[in-house]
Each structure stands twice: as structure tokens, then as C-alpha cells.
Amino acid sequence: MILLDANASVPPLPGARAALVRALDVDGNPSSPHGPGRAARRLLDAARDQVAVACAASSKDVFFTSGASESNRLMVDMLIEAGLRRQRPFVVVTTALEHPSVHRPLARAAERGQLVLRTLPIEQEAVVVDDAVSSVLLDADALVVTAAHNETGLLIDVARLCQLVRDEVVVVVDAAQSLGRTGAPPDRVDAVVCSAHKLGGYAGAGAVVLRRRARTLPPPWTGGGQENGLRPGTEATALIAAFGAACAVIEDTRRRHRLLAPLRDRLEAQVIAACGGRALCAGARLPNTSAVLFPDVDGDALRLWLDQSGTAVGFGAACSALAPEPSPGLVALGLSVEDTRRVVRLSLPPGISEADIDDAGQRIAAVARKLRC
């Protein structure tokens, strides 16, 4: 099997695996004051420091969660709670390219009148980020955006958006796809969402960085006192230790991702030359990601045959790839409902070889040609 679905999950790094195995011998609950508990707490503290460095943040601002989806939902609920407490719903500006863990709760909250939702326009397969969108941002209380679209790799100019919003606006960035590939969001960002398994750790651990304006938002969930009362639930110590180990080498991970751009282009060119179609959002994008639209192909058959060919590729967000509805992000980019099912995401993991790239290109081309006959 050739893995071309790294945006769903990156293979764990050796250091992360070693940290996980070591941490499995620590039996204490990190909230307990006794020796085993303190040992677990030390692992959490060390990982918190490592995640903070990766996010260009302070350790005191890092709060552990089960992953980016939980962190995103937490941030949405914090914005709703802040609006309830001031008795005036927050005005939230976002994009149509957000992960379902952002898009769905924001849309539902807007339907219920819990917040006012506005969306930045999309033109020519890119989010409009210039002075023309200033009216959309004019009275925003919060800006909630992804740094990189998980389905196409499209990069959003977060730094420019930060310049366009008012000083008091809470800026929330989903950096799950970008943190290990392009770097940390700008310092102006108040909340940074990330996930361990997107950068070489394991699924089940993630974090949200809360600083400045985000620290004034009220915690919406009650329960245990873990993570300074932000979220109820005993921390997954071993998974978090592995998360920290992955973050400790994040500069090398980013360097290895930069090296993937020529291989991505090589695979993309091979597939398009053999099958037709086109690459989506081929401008500013993640160095490892290509989204290819295959024309005149049954999308469900394409999914099945590619898997049987031994090629693991992506279709939409991994959390909702089996959902029957079309991808809202791809629809927003101008694709028909039918064409959204014909888009294949090719996301390369670090260390993939040229031989694997050429082999995968031949397999994908063979399947596409067979389905078009």
C-alpha cells in the first residue's frame, strides 16, 4: 500500500513512538498529588513546553485536548458562551473551507441565533483577502479561519487577515494541517488549534493555544478541573508525551515537507497527463498536497478501485469522507455536486520515494483510464 493520504494522518515519527512506549510505564493520574501522579504530571509539563515552542507560544497558554476537532468545537462553544454572557451574539467571520468541526457547529449556532455568521468570499479558487473584504470584517467580534484547507492544501493569508481586523477581534486559526508543514500562525492570532497525528504523533491528542483576547473567553464546559478547568477529562498522558516528542523535532518535519513540493508536482503532472482533469487551487498551497479533479469518472467507483489498487488517497475531510453529502468546501470553490465526488486528494508523507511516486502515478492513471472506458 502506498500512502497518499497524509493529510488524514501522518505516519508516527520514531521519536514519538519511543516517547509513547516510555510513557506507558507511568501509571499515575496527572491530577494525583502522589509520586506516580507527579511522574505523569512531569510528562505533561514537558510536552506542554514542546508544543508551546512548536506553536511559538508560552507554555502557560497550551491546553491539551483529544485533537483538533475537539479544540475547534471548544472554540466555537467559547464564542457562543461569550455572546450569551454579554447578551449579544458574537459576529463571527469565517470561510466556506473550514473543517466540519468548525463549519457545522458555527452553522447550527447561527441557525439558533446564538451568533451572527459571515463568510469571506471565494474567487478564482482562493479566499479573497484584501481591502475589498473590509466591510465583511468591519463589526466582527471573532475571525475563525483555517490556515490551510485540508482537501486542497489551499493556503489562506492569515497574516493579511490579521492586519484587516480590529484590535479587539478574537482571531482563531485551525492550524492542524499547516503547523507541521509551513509553520506557526502569526503572533497576532489569539487561539491556535492543532492535532498530534497531523505532525507525527498519534490520534487522540491535540491542543489549543489560548492567549491575550482568547483568554477572556469563558470556558463553556463544566466537569473535572483538568487543564485549569478548560475541559473535563483526564489527560491521555502517553499520547500527549508522544505529541510533545513530535513537536520537539517540528523544524525538521517542516524542512522535510518543503522537500515534497517537487514530488507532489511530479505526481500531479503524471496523473493529469495520463487522465486529463485538472489540479484545484494550484497556487499557494501546502507543499505536500494536490487535489485532482478526474472528469467523466464515477466517483464512488474511483474510491473503490484506487483502494483495491493499493493506493491510499484522500476524499474530502477524513472525519466525514464517508458522508453522502458533497463537500461544502469544494462546492464553495465552484465545483458541481457531481464533480465534488470526482476529486482525489493526494497528500504526500515525508520520506516518500520517487519510485513510490511513479508507481502511484501509474496505478492512479490505470484506474482512471479503466473507469473512463
Protein backbone atom coordinates (compact mmCIF):
# COMPACT_ATOMS: atom_id res chain seq x y z
CA MET A 1 0.00 0.00 0.00
CA ILE A 2 1.31 3.44 -0.95
CA LEU A 3 0.13 6.12 1.47
CA LEU A 4 -1.01 9.30 -0.26
CA ASP A 5 -3.38 10.42 2.49
CA ALA A 6 -1.01 12.12 4.92
CA ASN A 7 -3.45 14.99 5.48
CA ALA A 8 -5.70 12.47 7.22
CA SER A 9 -2.84 11.22 9.39
CA VAL A 10 0.94 11.38 9.11
CA PRO A 11 2.83 8.18 9.97
CA PRO A 12 4.13 8.45 13.56
CA LEU A 13 7.71 9.56 13.98
CA PRO A 14 10.20 7.18 15.66
CA GLY A 15 10.74 9.68 18.48
CA ALA A 16 7.01 9.91 19.11
CA ARG A 17 6.71 6.14 19.26
CA ALA A 18 9.62 5.89 21.68
CA ALA A 19 8.10 8.57 23.91
CA LEU A 20 4.77 6.76 23.84
CA VAL A 21 6.33 3.45 24.88
CA ARG A 22 8.26 5.07 27.74
CA ALA A 23 5.17 6.87 28.98
CA LEU A 24 3.16 3.64 29.07
CA ASP A 25 5.22 2.64 32.13
CA VAL A 26 3.93 5.68 34.05
CA ASP A 27 0.78 4.57 35.82
CA GLY A 28 -0.21 7.72 37.69
CA ASN A 29 -3.08 10.08 37.09
CA PRO A 30 -1.55 13.51 36.38
CA SER A 31 -4.10 15.12 38.70
CA SER A 32 -2.99 13.00 41.68
CA PRO A 33 -0.53 14.51 44.20
CA HIS A 34 1.39 11.30 44.96
CA GLY A 35 4.59 10.09 43.31
CA PRO A 36 3.10 8.27 40.32
CA GLY A 37 0.79 11.21 39.73
CA ARG A 38 3.68 13.65 39.85
CA ALA A 39 5.58 11.49 37.34
CA ALA A 40 2.66 11.72 34.93
CA ARG A 41 2.42 15.45 35.55
CA ARG A 42 6.08 15.88 34.64
CA LEU A 43 5.42 14.20 31.29
CA LEU A 44 2.55 16.59 30.64
CA ASP A 45 4.65 19.60 31.64
CA ALA A 46 7.49 18.57 29.32
CA ALA A 47 5.09 18.03 26.43
CA ARG A 48 3.40 21.35 27.12
CA ASP A 49 6.76 23.08 26.77
CA GLN A 50 7.46 21.27 23.49
CA VAL A 51 4.06 22.07 21.98
CA ALA A 52 4.43 25.70 23.04
CA VAL A 53 7.72 26.03 21.15
CA ALA A 54 6.18 24.48 18.03
CA CYS A 55 3.29 26.97 18.21
CA ALA A 56 5.55 29.95 19.02
CA ALA A 57 3.61 30.34 22.25
CA SER A 58 4.07 30.26 26.00
CA SER A 59 3.67 27.01 27.93
CA LYS A 60 1.01 28.56 30.16
CA ASP A 61 -1.15 29.14 27.09
CA VAL A 62 -1.21 25.49 25.92
CA PHE A 63 -4.23 23.37 26.85
CA PHE A 64 -4.40 19.72 25.87
CA THR A 65 -7.45 18.20 24.17
CA SER A 66 -8.20 14.98 22.30
CA GLY A 67 -7.39 16.59 18.96
CA ALA A 68 -8.14 19.45 16.58
CA SER A 69 -11.81 18.54 16.16
CA GLU A 70 -12.44 18.86 19.89
CA SER A 71 -10.35 22.04 20.03
CA ASN A 72 -12.35 23.58 17.19
CA ARG A 73 -15.65 22.71 18.82
CA LEU A 74 -14.37 24.09 22.12
CA MET A 75 -13.53 27.41 20.47
CA VAL A 76 -16.97 27.66 18.84
CA ASP A 77 -18.67 26.99 22.16
CA MET A 78 -16.47 29.58 23.88
CA LEU A 79 -17.58 32.20 21.35
CA ILE A 80 -21.23 31.25 21.85
CA GLU A 81 -20.84 31.41 25.63
CA ALA A 82 -19.15 34.82 25.44
CA GLY A 83 -22.08 36.15 23.42
CA LEU A 84 -24.60 34.74 25.90
CA ARG A 85 -22.84 36.38 28.84
CA ARG A 86 -22.83 39.80 27.23
CA GLN A 87 -26.41 39.22 25.96
CA ARG A 88 -25.46 39.97 22.37
CA PRO A 89 -24.37 37.22 19.97
CA PHE A 90 -20.85 37.38 18.62
CA VAL A 91 -20.41 38.34 14.98
CA VAL A 92 -18.15 35.60 13.60
CA VAL A 93 -16.39 35.82 10.24
CA THR A 94 -15.19 32.57 8.71
CA THR A 95 -14.63 30.86 5.34
CA ALA A 96 -16.51 28.19 3.42
CA LEU A 97 -13.40 25.99 3.56
CA GLU A 98 -13.49 25.15 7.25
CA HIS A 99 -13.24 21.64 8.63
CA PRO A 100 -16.61 20.11 9.60
CA SER A 101 -15.69 20.51 13.27
CA VAL A 102 -15.85 24.28 12.66
CA HIS A 103 -18.34 24.59 9.83
CA ARG A 104 -21.14 22.51 11.31
CA PRO A 105 -21.32 23.96 14.84
CA LEU A 106 -20.96 27.51 13.51
CA ALA A 107 -23.81 26.96 11.05
CA ARG A 108 -26.06 25.39 13.67
CA ALA A 109 -25.33 28.16 16.17
CA ALA A 110 -26.20 30.75 13.54
CA GLU A 111 -29.49 28.96 12.81
CA ARG A 112 -30.33 29.12 16.51
CA GLY A 113 -29.46 32.80 16.78
CA GLN A 114 -26.51 32.09 19.09
CA LEU A 115 -24.12 34.01 16.82
CA VAL A 116 -24.12 36.01 13.60
CA LEU A 117 -22.17 34.26 10.87
CA ARG A 118 -20.48 35.89 7.90
CA THR A 119 -18.34 34.25 5.23
CA LEU A 120 -15.38 35.64 3.32
CA PRO A 121 -15.87 35.47 -0.46
CA ILE A 122 -14.06 33.00 -2.71
CA GLU A 123 -12.89 33.96 -6.18
CA GLN A 124 -10.69 32.04 -8.62
CA GLU A 125 -10.26 29.15 -6.17
CA ALA A 126 -8.93 31.36 -3.39
CA VAL A 127 -10.34 33.16 -0.38
CA VAL A 128 -10.45 36.89 -1.02
CA VAL A 129 -8.08 38.52 1.45
CA ASP A 130 -7.71 42.20 0.57
CA ASP A 131 -9.17 45.60 1.36
CA ALA A 132 -12.34 44.63 -0.52
CA VAL A 133 -13.40 42.35 2.36
CA SER A 134 -13.04 45.05 4.99
CA SER A 135 -16.81 45.54 5.05
CA VAL A 136 -17.29 41.87 5.98
CA LEU A 137 -14.83 42.28 8.84
CA LEU A 138 -15.99 45.72 9.95
CA ASP A 139 -18.02 44.75 13.02
CA ALA A 140 -16.63 41.26 13.58
CA ASP A 141 -16.10 40.06 17.14
CA ALA A 142 -14.21 36.96 16.04
CA LEU A 143 -12.40 35.66 12.98
CA VAL A 144 -12.33 31.85 12.72
CA VAL A 145 -10.29 30.50 9.79
CA THR A 146 -8.19 27.56 8.75
CA ALA A 147 -4.60 28.26 7.76
CA ALA A 148 -4.72 25.52 5.11
CA HIS A 149 -7.70 23.81 3.51
CA ASN A 150 -7.43 20.12 4.31
CA GLU A 151 -8.95 18.96 1.00
CA THR A 152 -6.93 21.03 -1.49
CA GLY A 153 -3.98 22.34 0.52
CA LEU A 154 -5.03 25.92 -0.29
CA LEU A 155 -3.24 28.37 1.99
CA ILE A 156 -5.14 31.33 3.40
CA ASP A 157 -3.25 34.55 4.03
CA VAL A 158 -3.84 34.66 7.78
CA ALA A 159 -1.23 37.37 8.30
CA ARG A 160 -3.07 39.72 5.95
CA LEU A 161 -6.42 38.96 7.56
CA CYS A 162 -4.92 39.82 10.93
CA GLN A 163 -3.99 43.23 9.55
CA LEU A 164 -7.54 43.83 8.34
CA VAL A 165 -9.39 43.10 11.59
CA ARG A 166 -9.82 45.48 14.52
CA ASP A 167 -7.52 45.11 17.51
CA GLU A 168 -10.25 43.71 19.77
CA VAL A 169 -11.28 40.91 17.38
CA VAL A 170 -10.54 37.39 18.63
CA VAL A 171 -8.61 35.56 15.90
CA VAL A 172 -8.90 31.76 15.92
CA VAL A 173 -6.82 29.69 13.49
CA ASP A 174 -7.15 25.99 12.78
CA ALA A 175 -3.50 25.09 12.18
CA ALA A 176 -3.98 21.32 12.13
CA GLN A 177 -2.73 20.98 8.54
CA SER A 178 -0.25 23.84 8.49
CA LEU A 179 1.62 23.68 11.79
CA GLY A 180 3.89 20.79 10.79
CA ARG A 181 4.19 21.85 7.16
CA THR A 182 4.51 25.63 6.86
CA GLY A 183 4.96 26.93 10.40
CA ALA A 184 3.15 28.56 13.29
CA PRO A 185 0.46 31.21 12.71
CA PRO A 186 1.32 34.91 13.24
CA ASP A 187 1.70 36.19 16.76
CA ARG A 188 -1.50 38.26 16.36
CA VAL A 189 -3.53 35.03 16.40
CA ASP A 190 -5.25 34.57 19.76
CA ALA A 191 -6.16 30.87 19.54
CA VAL A 192 -4.25 28.16 17.67
CA VAL A 193 -5.73 24.70 17.14
CA CYS A 194 -3.50 21.70 16.41
CA SER A 195 -3.50 17.91 16.46
CA ALA A 196 -0.77 15.38 17.19
CA HIS A 197 -1.43 12.90 14.39
CA LYS A 198 -1.14 15.59 11.71
CA LEU A 199 2.55 16.16 12.53
CA GLY A 200 3.94 12.78 13.54
CA GLY A 201 2.24 11.95 16.82
CA TYR A 202 -0.78 9.76 17.46
CA ALA A 203 -4.51 10.33 17.12
CA GLY A 204 -6.18 11.11 20.43
CA ALA A 205 -4.08 14.09 21.48
CA GLY A 206 -4.21 17.72 20.44
CA ALA A 207 -4.07 21.20 21.87
CA VAL A 208 -5.45 24.68 21.73
CA VAL A 209 -3.28 27.70 22.45
CA LEU A 210 -5.21 30.46 24.21
CA ARG A 211 -3.56 33.84 24.63
CA ARG A 212 -4.50 37.50 25.01
CA ARG A 213 -8.08 38.03 23.77
CA ALA A 214 -8.86 34.31 23.74
CA ARG A 215 -8.05 34.08 27.46
CA THR A 216 -11.03 36.34 28.18
CA LEU A 217 -13.48 33.87 26.61
CA PRO A 218 -15.42 31.82 29.19
CA PRO A 219 -14.97 28.03 29.33
CA PRO A 220 -18.28 26.56 28.13
CA TRP A 221 -17.97 23.06 29.58
CA THR A 222 -18.25 22.10 33.22
CA GLY A 223 -16.89 18.93 34.79
CA GLY A 224 -13.47 17.98 36.07
CA GLY A 225 -10.78 20.52 36.79
CA GLN A 226 -8.30 19.25 34.24
CA GLU A 227 -6.37 21.75 32.10
CA ASN A 228 -7.16 24.57 34.54
CA GLY A 229 -10.84 23.80 34.26
CA LEU A 230 -10.95 24.38 30.50
CA ARG A 231 -12.13 20.89 29.55
CA PRO A 232 -13.28 17.91 31.60
CA GLY A 233 -11.38 14.68 31.12
CA THR A 234 -8.20 13.09 32.37
CA GLU A 235 -5.33 13.83 30.04
CA ALA A 236 -4.05 10.99 27.83
CA THR A 237 -0.54 11.14 29.25
CA ALA A 238 1.18 8.70 26.90
CA LEU A 239 -0.38 10.17 23.76
CA ILE A 240 0.49 13.68 24.91
CA ALA A 241 4.09 12.65 25.60
CA ALA A 242 4.31 11.39 22.02
CA PHE A 243 2.73 14.66 20.83
CA GLY A 244 5.45 16.59 22.62
CA ALA A 245 8.18 14.42 21.10
CA ALA A 246 6.81 15.09 17.61
CA CYS A 247 6.76 18.82 18.32
CA ALA A 248 10.35 18.69 19.57
CA VAL A 249 11.53 17.96 16.01
CA ILE A 250 8.98 20.07 14.19
CA GLU A 251 11.55 22.21 12.38
CA ASP A 252 12.93 19.07 10.77
CA THR A 253 9.39 17.96 9.93
CA ARG A 254 8.72 21.29 8.22
CA ARG A 255 12.00 21.00 6.31
CA ARG A 256 11.06 17.51 5.11
CA HIS A 257 7.67 18.77 3.99
CA ARG A 258 9.23 21.55 1.95
CA LEU A 259 11.16 18.88 0.05
CA LEU A 260 7.88 17.28 -1.02
CA ALA A 261 6.76 20.07 -3.37
CA PRO A 262 8.71 18.76 -6.43
CA LEU A 263 7.44 15.22 -5.79
CA ARG A 264 3.88 16.49 -5.47
CA ASP A 265 4.22 18.32 -8.77
CA ARG A 266 5.73 15.24 -10.40
CA LEU A 267 2.84 13.01 -9.32
CA GLU A 268 0.26 15.62 -10.26
CA ALA A 269 1.75 16.06 -13.74
CA GLN A 270 1.86 12.30 -14.35
CA VAL A 271 -1.77 11.81 -13.34
CA ILE A 272 -3.12 14.76 -15.32
CA ALA A 273 -1.10 13.86 -18.42
CA ALA A 274 -2.49 10.33 -18.38
CA CYS A 275 -6.06 11.05 -17.33
CA GLY A 276 -6.88 14.65 -18.14
CA GLY A 277 -8.56 16.63 -15.42
CA ARG A 278 -7.02 19.47 -13.52
CA ALA A 279 -5.44 20.39 -10.21
CA LEU A 280 -7.51 22.54 -7.86
CA CYS A 281 -6.07 25.55 -6.05
CA ALA A 282 -2.69 25.08 -7.66
CA GLY A 283 -1.38 28.45 -6.48
CA ALA A 284 -0.41 28.93 -2.84
CA ARG A 285 -0.88 25.54 -1.20
CA LEU A 286 0.71 23.08 1.17
CA PRO A 287 3.92 21.59 -0.27
CA ASN A 288 2.65 18.02 0.05
CA THR A 289 -0.94 18.38 -1.25
CA SER A 290 -2.58 18.09 -4.64
CA ALA A 291 -6.32 17.85 -5.30
CA VAL A 292 -7.08 16.49 -8.76
CA LEU A 293 -10.48 16.54 -10.42
CA PHE A 294 -10.98 13.49 -12.64
CA PRO A 295 -13.52 14.24 -15.41
CA ASP A 296 -16.13 11.75 -16.58
CA VAL A 297 -15.44 9.24 -13.83
CA ASP A 298 -17.87 7.73 -11.35
CA GLY A 299 -16.64 8.99 -8.00
CA ASP A 300 -17.76 6.02 -5.91
CA ALA A 301 -16.12 3.58 -8.30
CA LEU A 302 -12.97 5.69 -8.23
CA ARG A 303 -12.79 5.39 -4.45
CA LEU A 304 -13.23 1.64 -4.56
CA TRP A 305 -10.76 0.89 -7.35
CA LEU A 306 -7.99 3.12 -6.01
CA ASP A 307 -8.16 1.38 -2.65
CA GLN A 308 -8.06 -2.02 -4.34
CA SER A 309 -5.08 -0.89 -6.40
CA GLY A 310 -3.09 -0.49 -3.19
CA THR A 311 -3.10 3.31 -3.25
CA ALA A 312 -4.43 5.12 -0.18
CA VAL A 313 -5.69 8.53 -1.27
CA GLY A 314 -7.99 11.08 0.33
CA PHE A 315 -11.55 12.08 -0.42
CA GLY A 316 -12.74 15.16 1.44
CA ALA A 317 -12.14 15.61 5.17
CA ALA A 318 -11.08 12.33 6.78
CA CYS A 319 -13.66 12.87 9.54
CA SER A 320 -16.50 12.93 7.01
CA ALA A 321 -15.17 11.21 3.89
CA LEU A 322 -17.93 8.58 4.03
CA ALA A 323 -20.72 11.16 4.32
CA PRO A 324 -23.19 11.15 1.42
CA GLU A 325 -23.43 14.92 1.16
CA PRO A 326 -20.97 16.82 -1.07
CA SER A 327 -18.03 18.67 0.41
CA PRO A 328 -19.13 22.25 1.28
CA GLY A 329 -15.59 23.47 0.65
CA LEU A 330 -15.40 22.04 -2.86
CA VAL A 331 -18.86 23.38 -3.68
CA ALA A 332 -17.73 26.81 -2.48
CA LEU A 333 -14.77 26.56 -4.85
CA GLY A 334 -17.25 26.32 -7.73
CA LEU A 335 -17.50 22.57 -8.32
CA SER A 336 -20.77 20.89 -9.14
CA VAL A 337 -22.11 18.36 -6.66
CA GLU A 338 -21.19 15.57 -9.06
CA ASP A 339 -17.65 16.86 -9.55
CA THR A 340 -17.02 17.05 -5.81
CA ARG A 341 -17.18 13.24 -5.82
CA ARG A 342 -14.53 13.12 -8.55
CA VAL A 343 -11.85 14.96 -6.61
CA VAL A 344 -8.95 12.92 -5.25
CA ARG A 345 -6.65 14.39 -2.65
CA LEU A 346 -3.05 13.28 -2.98
CA SER A 347 -1.21 14.25 0.21
CA LEU A 348 2.35 13.01 0.49
CA PRO A 349 4.04 11.94 3.74
CA PRO A 350 7.62 12.96 4.44
CA GLY A 351 10.17 10.45 3.19
CA ILE A 352 8.16 9.07 0.28
CA SER A 353 10.45 7.99 -2.57
CA GLU A 354 10.46 8.92 -6.25
CA ALA A 355 9.87 5.24 -7.02
CA ASP A 356 6.69 5.26 -4.93
CA ILE A 357 5.57 8.47 -6.62
CA ASP A 358 5.99 6.96 -10.08
CA ASP A 359 4.37 3.70 -9.01
CA ALA A 360 1.39 5.55 -7.53
CA GLY A 361 1.04 7.69 -10.64
CA GLN A 362 0.85 4.59 -12.82
CA ARG A 363 -1.73 2.94 -10.54
CA ILE A 364 -3.95 6.04 -10.42
CA ALA A 365 -3.71 6.53 -14.18
CA ALA A 366 -4.60 2.89 -14.83
CA VAL A 367 -7.69 3.07 -12.63
CA ALA A 368 -8.86 6.35 -14.12
CA ARG A 369 -8.44 5.06 -17.69
CA LYS A 370 -10.32 1.87 -16.85
CA LEU A 371 -13.26 3.81 -15.38
CA ARG A 372 -13.45 6.12 -18.38
CA CYS A 373 -13.70 3.26 -20.88
